[in-house]
Every structure is written in structure tokens, then in C-alpha cells.
Amino acid sequence: MEKQRKKLIYAILAILVAPYAFSQGNGSAGINEATQMVTSYFEPATQLIYAIGAVVGLIGGAKVYNKFSSGDPDTSKTAASWFGACIFLIVAATILRSFFL
């Protein structure tokens, strides 16, 4: 019995609130404005990710050179991981840009 009463109350509330929800106006203008704002941030964000990738590459190069100079046998593994990180940053930025722009 209590379950039916809750359903009835929710149904009445939905009927009373529905006209107010539909009277808010054209929502497509707001969606278009939000889309414009989000897409305007992608170009600077892509450039920032490329810059971060360049810095990571320089730091990785210095670390690999340091390991190579000291004769560490783990140099190739370190070089592969730093190179992979740089490639990931560049590819991720490019793919995100192509998806959303």
C-alpha cells in the first residue's frame, strides 16, 4: 500500500513539474555556446601538451645520456620508456584534437 502511495505522489509531481521543464526555452543555443567554448580550448591545450612532450623528451634524453655515460646496463629500457612517454603525449593530443574538432 505504501509503495502505491509513493508511486502516485511521484506521478503527480512529474505531471506538475513537466510544464516548467518544457517552458525553459530553446536549449540548443546553450548547447551550441558550450560546444563553442569547449572547442576554443583545444588548440591551446594541444600546444601545451606538445610543449610538455618536448620537455619530457629533453629530460628523458638527459637521463638516458647519464645512464649511458655511467655504463648502466639498463639504458635501453630507460630510453624506450622515455621515448614511449613522448610518443604517447604527442599521439594522445593529436587523437583528442581529431575527435573533438
PDB file of N, CA and C in Angstrom:
ATOM      1  N   MET A   1       0.825  -1.186   0.000  1.00  0.00           N
ATOM      2  CA  MET A   1       0.000   0.000   0.000  1.00  0.00           C
ATOM      3  C   MET A   1       0.875   1.257   0.000  1.00  0.00           C
ATOM      4  N   GLU A   2       1.902   1.246   0.814  1.00  0.00           N
ATOM      5  CA  GLU A   2       2.805   2.394   0.895  1.00  0.00           C
ATOM      6  C   GLU A   2       3.538   2.612  -0.425  1.00  0.00           C
ATOM      7  N   LYS A   3       3.872   1.530  -1.112  1.00  0.00           N
ATOM      8  CA  LYS A   3       4.577   1.616  -2.385  1.00  0.00           C
ATOM      9  C   LYS A   3       3.702   2.279  -3.456  1.00  0.00           C
ATOM     10  N   GLN A   4       2.416   1.956  -3.458  1.00  0.00           N
ATOM     11  CA  GLN A   4       1.500   2.563  -4.427  1.00  0.00           C
ATOM     12  C   GLN A   4       1.324   4.056  -4.142  1.00  0.00           C
ATOM     13  N   ARG A   5       1.309   4.423  -2.865  1.00  0.00           N
ATOM     14  CA  ARG A   5       1.151   5.830  -2.499  1.00  0.00           C
ATOM     15  C   ARG A   5       2.361   6.644  -2.982  1.00  0.00           C
ATOM     16  N   LYS A   6       3.582   6.073  -2.827  1.00  0.00           N
ATOM     17  CA  LYS A   6       4.774   6.761  -3.306  1.00  0.00           C
ATOM     18  C   LYS A   6       4.744   6.923  -4.813  1.00  0.00           C
ATOM     19  N   LYS A   7       4.316   5.887  -5.519  1.00  0.00           N
ATOM     20  CA  LYS A   7       4.225   5.974  -6.983  1.00  0.00           C
ATOM     21  C   LYS A   7       3.242   7.053  -7.401  1.00  0.00           C
ATOM     22  N   LEU A   8       2.127   7.145  -6.708  1.00  0.00           N
ATOM     23  CA  LEU A   8       1.115   8.153  -7.022  1.00  0.00           C
ATOM     24  C   LEU A   8       1.657   9.557  -6.769  1.00  0.00           C
ATOM     25  N   ILE A   9       2.373   9.742  -5.670  1.00  0.00           N
ATOM     26  CA  ILE A   9       2.940  11.057  -5.357  1.00  0.00           C
ATOM     27  C   ILE A   9       3.976  11.454  -6.406  1.00  0.00           C
ATOM     28  N   TYR A  10       4.833  10.506  -6.804  1.00  0.00           N
ATOM     29  CA  TYR A  10       5.840  10.793  -7.825  1.00  0.00           C
ATOM     30  C   TYR A  10       5.194  11.110  -9.175  1.00  0.00           C
ATOM     31  N   ALA A  11       4.123  10.412  -9.502  1.00  0.00           N
ATOM     32  CA  ALA A  11       3.431  10.679 -10.765  1.00  0.00           C
ATOM     33  C   ALA A  11       2.814  12.076 -10.761  1.00  0.00           C
ATOM     34  N   ILE A  12       2.207  12.458  -9.659  1.00  0.00           N
ATOM     35  CA  ILE A  12       1.596  13.785  -9.560  1.00  0.00           C
ATOM     36  C   ILE A  12       2.682  14.870  -9.636  1.00  0.00           C
ATOM     37  N   LEU A  13       3.803  14.660  -8.965  1.00  0.00           N
ATOM     38  CA  LEU A  13       4.889  15.625  -9.033  1.00  0.00           C
ATOM     39  C   LEU A  13       5.442  15.754 -10.448  1.00  0.00           C
ATOM     40  N   ALA A  14       5.564  14.620 -11.147  1.00  0.00           N
ATOM     41  CA  ALA A  14       6.059  14.667 -12.519  1.00  0.00           C
ATOM     42  C   ALA A  14       5.106  15.438 -13.416  1.00  0.00           C
ATOM     43  N   ILE A  15       3.820  15.272 -13.219  1.00  0.00           N
ATOM     44  CA  ILE A  15       2.823  15.981 -14.024  1.00  0.00           C
ATOM     45  C   ILE A  15       2.860  17.477 -13.727  1.00  0.00           C
ATOM     46  N   LEU A  16       3.071  17.836 -12.466  1.00  0.00           N
ATOM     47  CA  LEU A  16       3.099  19.247 -12.099  1.00  0.00           C
ATOM     48  C   LEU A  16       4.393  19.937 -12.540  1.00  0.00           C
ATOM     49  N   VAL A  17       5.503  19.229 -12.570  1.00  0.00           N
ATOM     50  CA  VAL A  17       6.794  19.830 -12.887  1.00  0.00           C
ATOM     51  C   VAL A  17       7.049  19.871 -14.391  1.00  0.00           C
ATOM     52  N   ALA A  18       6.450  18.997 -15.156  1.00  0.00           N
ATOM     53  CA  ALA A  18       6.716  18.884 -16.594  1.00  0.00           C
ATOM     54  C   ALA A  18       6.512  20.192 -17.359  1.00  0.00           C
ATOM     55  N   PRO A  19       5.429  20.951 -17.144  1.00  0.00           N
ATOM     56  CA  PRO A  19       5.289  22.208 -17.905  1.00  0.00           C
ATOM     57  C   PRO A  19       6.420  23.201 -17.635  1.00  0.00           C
ATOM     58  N   TYR A  20       6.913  23.244 -16.417  1.00  0.00           N
ATOM     59  CA  TYR A  20       8.008  24.162 -16.100  1.00  0.00           C
ATOM     60  C   TYR A  20       9.307  23.737 -16.778  1.00  0.00           C
ATOM     61  N   ALA A  21       9.502  22.444 -16.896  1.00  0.00           N
ATOM     62  CA  ALA A  21      10.719  21.944 -17.548  1.00  0.00           C
ATOM     63  C   ALA A  21      10.716  22.288 -19.031  1.00  0.00           C
ATOM     64  N   PHE A  22       9.568  22.211 -19.669  1.00  0.00           N
ATOM     65  CA  PHE A  22       9.480  22.498 -21.096  1.00  0.00           C
ATOM     66  C   PHE A  22       9.409  23.990 -21.396  1.00  0.00           C
ATOM     67  N   SER A  23       9.106  24.812 -20.408  1.00  0.00           N
ATOM     68  CA  SER A  23       8.974  26.244 -20.656  1.00  0.00           C
ATOM     69  C   SER A  23      10.298  26.990 -20.490  1.00  0.00           C
ATOM     70  N   GLN A  24      11.402  26.280 -20.368  1.00  0.00           N
ATOM     71  CA  GLN A  24      12.688  26.929 -20.168  1.00  0.00           C
ATOM     72  C   GLN A  24      13.242  27.539 -21.446  1.00  0.00           C
ATOM     73  N   GLY A  25      12.688  27.253 -22.574  1.00  0.00           N
ATOM     74  CA  GLY A  25      13.135  27.873 -23.809  1.00  0.00           C
ATOM     75  C   GLY A  25      13.969  26.922 -24.652  1.00  0.00           C
ATOM     76  N   ASN A  26      14.634  27.522 -25.628  1.00  0.00           N
ATOM     77  CA  ASN A  26      15.418  26.755 -26.577  1.00  0.00           C
ATOM     78  C   ASN A  26      16.768  26.402 -25.951  1.00  0.00           C
ATOM     79  N   GLY A  27      16.991  25.129 -25.685  1.00  0.00           N
ATOM     80  CA  GLY A  27      18.232  24.701 -25.067  1.00  0.00           C
ATOM     81  C   GLY A  27      19.363  24.520 -26.057  1.00  0.00           C
ATOM     82  N   SER A  28      19.047  24.512 -27.349  1.00  0.00           N
ATOM     83  CA  SER A  28      20.097  24.282 -28.343  1.00  0.00           C
ATOM     84  C   SER A  28      21.070  25.457 -28.418  1.00  0.00           C
ATOM     85  N   ALA A  29      20.610  26.655 -28.113  1.00  0.00           N
ATOM     86  CA  ALA A  29      21.516  27.802 -28.126  1.00  0.00           C
ATOM     87  C   ALA A  29      22.560  27.665 -27.025  1.00  0.00           C
ATOM     88  N   GLY A  30      22.144  27.209 -25.877  1.00  0.00           N
ATOM     89  CA  GLY A  30      23.084  26.991 -24.779  1.00  0.00           C
ATOM     90  C   GLY A  30      24.058  25.872 -25.087  1.00  0.00           C
ATOM     91  N   ILE A  31      23.574  24.815 -25.709  1.00  0.00           N
ATOM     92  CA  ILE A  31      24.443  23.690 -26.083  1.00  0.00           C
ATOM     93  C   ILE A  31      25.456  24.143 -27.124  1.00  0.00           C
ATOM     94  N   ASN A  32      25.022  24.925 -28.090  1.00  0.00           N
ATOM     95  CA  ASN A  32      25.950  25.425 -29.113  1.00  0.00           C
ATOM     96  C   ASN A  32      27.015  26.343 -28.507  1.00  0.00           C
ATOM     97  N   GLU A  33      26.605  27.178 -27.564  1.00  0.00           N
ATOM     98  CA  GLU A  33      27.570  28.066 -26.911  1.00  0.00           C
ATOM     99  C   GLU A  33      28.584  27.267 -26.094  1.00  0.00           C
ATOM    100  N   ALA A  34      28.114  26.239 -25.388  1.00  0.00           N
ATOM    101  CA  ALA A  34      29.031  25.395 -24.611  1.00  0.00           C
ATOM    102  C   ALA A  34      29.995  24.653 -25.531  1.00  0.00           C
ATOM    103  N   THR A  35      29.496  24.177 -26.656  1.00  0.00           N
ATOM    104  CA  THR A  35      30.362  23.494 -27.620  1.00  0.00           C
ATOM    105  C   THR A  35      31.420  24.445 -28.155  1.00  0.00           C
ATOM    106  N   GLN A  36      31.026  25.667 -28.459  1.00  0.00           N
ATOM    107  CA  GLN A  36      31.975  26.675 -28.946  1.00  0.00           C
ATOM    108  C   GLN A  36      33.055  26.956 -27.905  1.00  0.00           C
ATOM    109  N   MET A  37      32.661  27.066 -26.646  1.00  0.00           N
ATOM    110  CA  MET A  37      33.626  27.349 -25.592  1.00  0.00           C
ATOM    111  C   MET A  37      34.611  26.194 -25.416  1.00  0.00           C
ATOM    112  N   VAL A  38      34.106  24.970 -25.433  1.00  0.00           N
ATOM    113  CA  VAL A  38      34.977  23.808 -25.234  1.00  0.00           C
ATOM    114  C   VAL A  38      35.937  23.650 -26.401  1.00  0.00           C
ATOM    115  N   THR A  39      35.461  23.808 -27.630  1.00  0.00           N
ATOM    116  CA  THR A  39      36.347  23.645 -28.781  1.00  0.00           C
ATOM    117  C   THR A  39      37.368  24.775 -28.881  1.00  0.00           C
ATOM    118  N   SER A  40      37.079  25.931 -28.301  1.00  0.00           N
ATOM    119  CA  SER A  40      38.067  27.019 -28.340  1.00  0.00           C
ATOM    120  C   SER A  40      39.263  26.731 -27.438  1.00  0.00           C
ATOM    121  N   TYR A  41      39.119  25.823 -26.485  1.00  0.00           N
ATOM    122  CA  TYR A  41      40.219  25.481 -25.587  1.00  0.00           C
ATOM    123  C   TYR A  41      41.134  24.406 -26.158  1.00  0.00           C
ATOM    124  N   PHE A  42      40.735  23.708 -27.210  1.00  0.00           N
ATOM    125  CA  PHE A  42      41.510  22.571 -27.686  1.00  0.00           C
ATOM    126  C   PHE A  42      42.824  22.985 -28.336  1.00  0.00           C
ATOM    127  N   GLU A  43      42.837  24.059 -29.084  1.00  0.00           N
ATOM    128  CA  GLU A  43      44.083  24.467 -29.738  1.00  0.00           C
ATOM    129  C   GLU A  43      45.159  24.844 -28.717  1.00  0.00           C
ATOM    130  N   PRO A  44      44.872  25.694 -27.722  1.00  0.00           N
ATOM    131  CA  PRO A  44      45.908  25.978 -26.716  1.00  0.00           C
ATOM    132  C   PRO A  44      46.292  24.742 -25.899  1.00  0.00           C
ATOM    133  N   ALA A  45      45.317  23.883 -25.600  1.00  0.00           N
ATOM    134  CA  ALA A  45      45.624  22.672 -24.830  1.00  0.00           C
ATOM    135  C   ALA A  45      46.516  21.734 -25.626  1.00  0.00           C
ATOM    136  N   THR A  46      46.270  21.622 -26.931  1.00  0.00           N
ATOM    137  CA  THR A  46      47.110  20.781 -27.779  1.00  0.00           C
ATOM    138  C   THR A  46      48.534  21.318 -27.821  1.00  0.00           C
ATOM    139  N   GLN A  47      48.684  22.623 -27.961  1.00  0.00           N
ATOM    140  CA  GLN A  47      50.014  23.220 -27.969  1.00  0.00           C
ATOM    141  C   GLN A  47      50.724  23.012 -26.623  1.00  0.00           C
ATOM    142  N   LEU A  48      49.983  23.091 -25.532  1.00  0.00           N
ATOM    143  CA  LEU A  48      50.556  22.861 -24.208  1.00  0.00           C
ATOM    144  C   LEU A  48      51.030  21.418 -24.066  1.00  0.00           C
ATOM    145  N   ILE A  49      50.254  20.472 -24.553  1.00  0.00           N
ATOM    146  CA  ILE A  49      50.654  19.070 -24.475  1.00  0.00           C
ATOM    147  C   ILE A  49      51.889  18.817 -25.327  1.00  0.00           C
ATOM    148  N   TYR A  50      51.972  19.443 -26.500  1.00  0.00           N
ATOM    149  CA  TYR A  50      53.179  19.310 -27.320  1.00  0.00           C
ATOM    150  C   TYR A  50      54.402  19.875 -26.596  1.00  0.00           C
ATOM    151  N   ALA A  51      54.229  21.001 -25.922  1.00  0.00           N
ATOM    152  CA  ALA A  51      55.344  21.597 -25.174  1.00  0.00           C
ATOM    153  C   ALA A  51      55.772  20.689 -24.025  1.00  0.00           C
ATOM    154  N   ILE A  52      54.798  20.118 -23.331  1.00  0.00           N
ATOM    155  CA  ILE A  52      55.117  19.180 -22.244  1.00  0.00           C
ATOM    156  C   ILE A  52      55.846  17.967 -22.799  1.00  0.00           C
ATOM    157  N   GLY A  53      55.417  17.480 -23.971  1.00  0.00           N
ATOM    158  CA  GLY A  53      56.104  16.357 -24.610  1.00  0.00           C
ATOM    159  C   GLY A  53      57.547  16.689 -24.948  1.00  0.00           C
ATOM    160  N   ALA A  54      57.790  17.921 -25.392  1.00  0.00           N
ATOM    161  CA  ALA A  54      59.158  18.333 -25.703  1.00  0.00           C
ATOM    162  C   ALA A  54      60.019  18.381 -24.448  1.00  0.00           C
ATOM    163  N   VAL A  55      59.465  18.911 -23.365  1.00  0.00           N
ATOM    164  CA  VAL A  55      60.218  18.967 -22.106  1.00  0.00           C
ATOM    165  C   VAL A  55      60.495  17.555 -21.586  1.00  0.00           C
ATOM    166  N   VAL A  56      59.497  16.686 -21.654  1.00  0.00           N
ATOM    167  CA  VAL A  56      59.693  15.300 -21.225  1.00  0.00           C
ATOM    168  C   VAL A  56      60.758  14.627 -22.081  1.00  0.00           C
ATOM    169  N   GLY A  57      60.771  14.914 -23.370  1.00  0.00           N
ATOM    170  CA  GLY A  57      61.790  14.351 -24.250  1.00  0.00           C
ATOM    171  C   GLY A  57      63.182  14.820 -23.891  1.00  0.00           C
ATOM    172  N   LEU A  58      63.323  16.113 -23.578  1.00  0.00           N
ATOM    173  CA  LEU A  58      64.636  16.637 -23.187  1.00  0.00           C
ATOM    174  C   LEU A  58      65.123  16.040 -21.868  1.00  0.00           C
ATOM    175  N   ILE A  59      64.222  15.961 -20.906  1.00  0.00           N
ATOM    176  CA  ILE A  59      64.585  15.364 -19.616  1.00  0.00           C
ATOM    177  C   ILE A  59      64.948  13.895 -19.801  1.00  0.00           C
ATOM    178  N   GLY A  60      64.146  13.188 -20.600  1.00  0.00           N
ATOM    179  CA  GLY A  60      64.433  11.777 -20.859  1.00  0.00           C
ATOM    180  C   GLY A  60      65.757  11.584 -21.569  1.00  0.00           C
ATOM    181  N   GLY A  61      66.053  12.459 -22.524  1.00  0.00           N
ATOM    182  CA  GLY A  61      67.332  12.374 -23.221  1.00  0.00           C
ATOM    183  C   GLY A  61      68.498  12.572 -22.279  1.00  0.00           C
ATOM    184  N   ALA A  62      68.362  13.513 -21.362  1.00  0.00           N
ATOM    185  CA  ALA A  62      69.432  13.758 -20.390  1.00  0.00           C
ATOM    186  C   ALA A  62      69.608  12.560 -19.460  1.00  0.00           C
ATOM    187  N   LYS A  63      68.505  11.975 -19.019  1.00  0.00           N
ATOM    188  CA  LYS A  63      68.601  10.816 -18.131  1.00  0.00           C
ATOM    189  C   LYS A  63      69.205   9.616 -18.851  1.00  0.00           C
ATOM    190  N   VAL A  64      68.809   9.396 -20.098  1.00  0.00           N
ATOM    191  CA  VAL A  64      69.368   8.282 -20.863  1.00  0.00           C
ATOM    192  C   VAL A  64      70.847   8.507 -21.111  1.00  0.00           C
ATOM    193  N   TYR A  65      71.244   9.730 -21.433  1.00  0.00           N
ATOM    194  CA  TYR A  65      72.658  10.026 -21.649  1.00  0.00           C
ATOM    195  C   TYR A  65      73.460   9.791 -20.371  1.00  0.00           C
ATOM    196  N   ASN A  66      72.894  10.195 -19.236  1.00  0.00           N
ATOM    197  CA  ASN A  66      73.551   9.995 -17.956  1.00  0.00           C
ATOM    198  C   ASN A  66      73.752   8.507 -17.667  1.00  0.00           C
ATOM    199  N   LYS A  67      72.726   7.710 -17.927  1.00  0.00           N
ATOM    200  CA  LYS A  67      72.841   6.264 -17.699  1.00  0.00           C
ATOM    201  C   LYS A  67      73.836   5.643 -18.671  1.00  0.00           C
ATOM    202  N   PHE A  68      73.802   6.099 -19.918  1.00  0.00           N
ATOM    203  CA  PHE A  68      74.718   5.551 -20.922  1.00  0.00           C
ATOM    204  C   PHE A  68      76.168   5.887 -20.574  1.00  0.00           C
ATOM    205  N   SER A  69      76.393   7.105 -20.097  1.00  0.00           N
ATOM    206  CA  SER A  69      77.742   7.539 -19.738  1.00  0.00           C
ATOM    207  C   SER A  69      78.294   6.772 -18.543  1.00  0.00           C
ATOM    208  N   SER A  70      77.399   6.431 -17.623  1.00  0.00           N
ATOM    209  CA  SER A  70      77.862   5.712 -16.430  1.00  0.00           C
ATOM    210  C   SER A  70      77.987   4.214 -16.666  1.00  0.00           C
ATOM    211  N   GLY A  71      77.578   3.732 -17.837  1.00  0.00           N
ATOM    212  CA  GLY A  71      77.722   2.316 -18.161  1.00  0.00           C
ATOM    213  C   GLY A  71      76.633   1.442 -17.576  1.00  0.00           C
ATOM    214  N   ASP A  72      75.489   2.010 -17.271  1.00  0.00           N
ATOM    215  CA  ASP A  72      74.372   1.246 -16.713  1.00  0.00           C
ATOM    216  C   ASP A  72      73.823   0.293 -17.772  1.00  0.00           C
ATOM    217  N   PRO A  73      73.641  -0.992 -17.443  1.00  0.00           N
ATOM    218  CA  PRO A  73      73.120  -1.934 -18.439  1.00  0.00           C
ATOM    219  C   PRO A  73      71.623  -1.748 -18.714  1.00  0.00           C
ATOM    220  N   ASP A  74      70.966  -0.932 -17.949  1.00  0.00           N
ATOM    221  CA  ASP A  74      69.514  -0.717 -18.070  1.00  0.00           C
ATOM    222  C   ASP A  74      69.186   0.454 -18.989  1.00  0.00           C
ATOM    223  N   THR A  75      70.114   0.894 -19.802  1.00  0.00           N
ATOM    224  CA  THR A  75      69.942   2.104 -20.599  1.00  0.00           C
ATOM    225  C   THR A  75      68.860   1.953 -21.652  1.00  0.00           C
ATOM    226  N   SER A  76      68.826   0.826 -22.336  1.00  0.00           N
ATOM    227  CA  SER A  76      67.842   0.660 -23.418  1.00  0.00           C
ATOM    228  C   SER A  76      66.420   0.645 -22.885  1.00  0.00           C
ATOM    229  N   LYS A  77      66.220   0.059 -21.717  1.00  0.00           N
ATOM    230  CA  LYS A  77      64.884   0.040 -21.112  1.00  0.00           C
ATOM    231  C   LYS A  77      64.441   1.456 -20.737  1.00  0.00           C
ATOM    232  N   THR A  78      65.342   2.224 -20.179  1.00  0.00           N
ATOM    233  CA  THR A  78      65.039   3.602 -19.810  1.00  0.00           C
ATOM    234  C   THR A  78      64.754   4.447 -21.055  1.00  0.00           C
ATOM    235  N   ALA A  79      65.550   4.260 -22.096  1.00  0.00           N
ATOM    236  CA  ALA A  79      65.342   5.014 -23.336  1.00  0.00           C
ATOM    237  C   ALA A  79      63.987   4.683 -23.948  1.00  0.00           C
ATOM    238  N   ALA A  80      63.622   3.411 -23.937  1.00  0.00           N
ATOM    239  CA  ALA A  80      62.333   3.006 -24.506  1.00  0.00           C
ATOM    240  C   ALA A  80      61.170   3.593 -23.716  1.00  0.00           C
ATOM    241  N   SER A  81      61.286   3.628 -22.400  1.00  0.00           N
ATOM    242  CA  SER A  81      60.178   4.155 -21.597  1.00  0.00           C
ATOM    243  C   SER A  81      60.024   5.664 -21.787  1.00  0.00           C
ATOM    244  N   TRP A  82      61.120   6.416 -21.840  1.00  0.00           N
ATOM    245  CA  TRP A  82      61.018   7.860 -22.059  1.00  0.00           C
ATOM    246  C   TRP A  82      60.530   8.175 -23.465  1.00  0.00           C
ATOM    247  N   PHE A  83      61.030   7.435 -24.447  1.00  0.00           N
ATOM    248  CA  PHE A  83      60.579   7.646 -25.823  1.00  0.00           C
ATOM    249  C   PHE A  83      59.094   7.312 -25.958  1.00  0.00           C
ATOM    250  N   GLY A  84      58.663   6.247 -25.298  1.00  0.00           N
ATOM    251  CA  GLY A  84      57.240   5.878 -25.312  1.00  0.00           C
ATOM    252  C   GLY A  84      56.359   6.938 -24.677  1.00  0.00           C
ATOM    253  N   ALA A  85      56.852   7.557 -23.606  1.00  0.00           N
ATOM    254  CA  ALA A  85      56.077   8.617 -22.955  1.00  0.00           C
ATOM    255  C   ALA A  85      55.916   9.819 -23.874  1.00  0.00           C
ATOM    256  N   CYS A  86      56.971  10.176 -24.589  1.00  0.00           N
ATOM    257  CA  CYS A  86      56.891  11.310 -25.521  1.00  0.00           C
ATOM    258  C   CYS A  86      55.926  11.007 -26.666  1.00  0.00           C
ATOM    259  N   ILE A  87      56.037   9.821 -27.218  1.00  0.00           N
ATOM    260  CA  ILE A  87      55.147   9.431 -28.320  1.00  0.00           C
ATOM    261  C   ILE A  87      53.694   9.401 -27.847  1.00  0.00           C
ATOM    262  N   PHE A  88      53.463   8.887 -26.632  1.00  0.00           N
ATOM    263  CA  PHE A  88      52.101   8.848 -26.105  1.00  0.00           C
ATOM    264  C   PHE A  88      51.518  10.251 -25.985  1.00  0.00           C
ATOM    265  N   LEU A  89      52.277  11.196 -25.461  1.00  0.00           N
ATOM    266  CA  LEU A  89      51.771  12.568 -25.324  1.00  0.00           C
ATOM    267  C   LEU A  89      51.411  13.169 -26.677  1.00  0.00           C
ATOM    268  N   ILE A  90      52.259  12.973 -27.651  1.00  0.00           N
ATOM    269  CA  ILE A  90      52.002  13.549 -28.976  1.00  0.00           C
ATOM    270  C   ILE A  90      50.791  12.890 -29.634  1.00  0.00           C
ATOM    271  N   VAL A  91      50.725  11.564 -29.570  1.00  0.00           N
ATOM    272  CA  VAL A  91      49.611  10.852 -30.196  1.00  0.00           C
ATOM    273  C   VAL A  91      48.302  11.142 -29.474  1.00  0.00           C
ATOM    274  N   ALA A  92      48.339  11.205 -28.139  1.00  0.00           N
ATOM    275  CA  ALA A  92      47.114  11.492 -27.387  1.00  0.00           C
ATOM    276  C   ALA A  92      46.575  12.876 -27.721  1.00  0.00           C
ATOM    277  N   ALA A  93      47.445  13.854 -27.816  1.00  0.00           N
ATOM    278  CA  ALA A  93      46.997  15.207 -28.159  1.00  0.00           C
ATOM    279  C   ALA A  93      46.404  15.242 -29.562  1.00  0.00           C
ATOM    280  N   THR A  94      47.039  14.555 -30.491  1.00  0.00           N
ATOM    281  CA  THR A  94      46.554  14.552 -31.870  1.00  0.00           C
ATOM    282  C   THR A  94      45.213  13.836 -31.981  1.00  0.00           C
ATOM    283  N   ILE A  95      45.077  12.717 -31.310  1.00  0.00           N
ATOM    284  CA  ILE A  95      43.818  11.957 -31.378  1.00  0.00           C
ATOM    285  C   ILE A  95      42.689  12.725 -30.705  1.00  0.00           C
ATOM    286  N   LEU A  96      42.938  13.315 -29.545  1.00  0.00           N
ATOM    287  CA  LEU A  96      41.902  14.103 -28.874  1.00  0.00           C
ATOM    288  C   LEU A  96      41.459  15.276 -29.753  1.00  0.00           C
ATOM    289  N   ARG A  97      42.402  15.911 -30.380  1.00  0.00           N
ATOM    290  CA  ARG A  97      42.071  17.043 -31.252  1.00  0.00           C
ATOM    291  C   ARG A  97      41.239  16.574 -32.436  1.00  0.00           C
ATOM    292  N   SER A  98      41.592  15.425 -33.018  1.00  0.00           N
ATOM    293  CA  SER A  98      40.843  14.945 -34.182  1.00  0.00           C
ATOM    294  C   SER A  98      39.447  14.472 -33.799  1.00  0.00           C
ATOM    295  N   PHE A  99      39.273  13.971 -32.579  1.00  0.00           N
ATOM    296  CA  PHE A  99      37.948  13.533 -32.139  1.00  0.00           C
ATOM    297  C   PHE A  99      37.007  14.704 -31.911  1.00  0.00           C
ATOM    298  N   PHE A 100      37.516  15.761 -31.297  1.00  0.00           N
ATOM    299  CA  PHE A 100      36.641  16.826 -30.845  1.00  0.00           C
ATOM    300  C   PHE A 100      36.589  18.056 -31.723  1.00  0.00           C
ATOM    301  N   LEU A 101      37.452  18.141 -32.735  1.00  0.00           N
ATOM    302  CA  LEU A 101      37.384  19.316 -33.608  1.00  0.00           C
ATOM    303  C   LEU A 101      36.970  18.956 -34.993  1.00  0.00           C
TER     304      LEU A 101
END
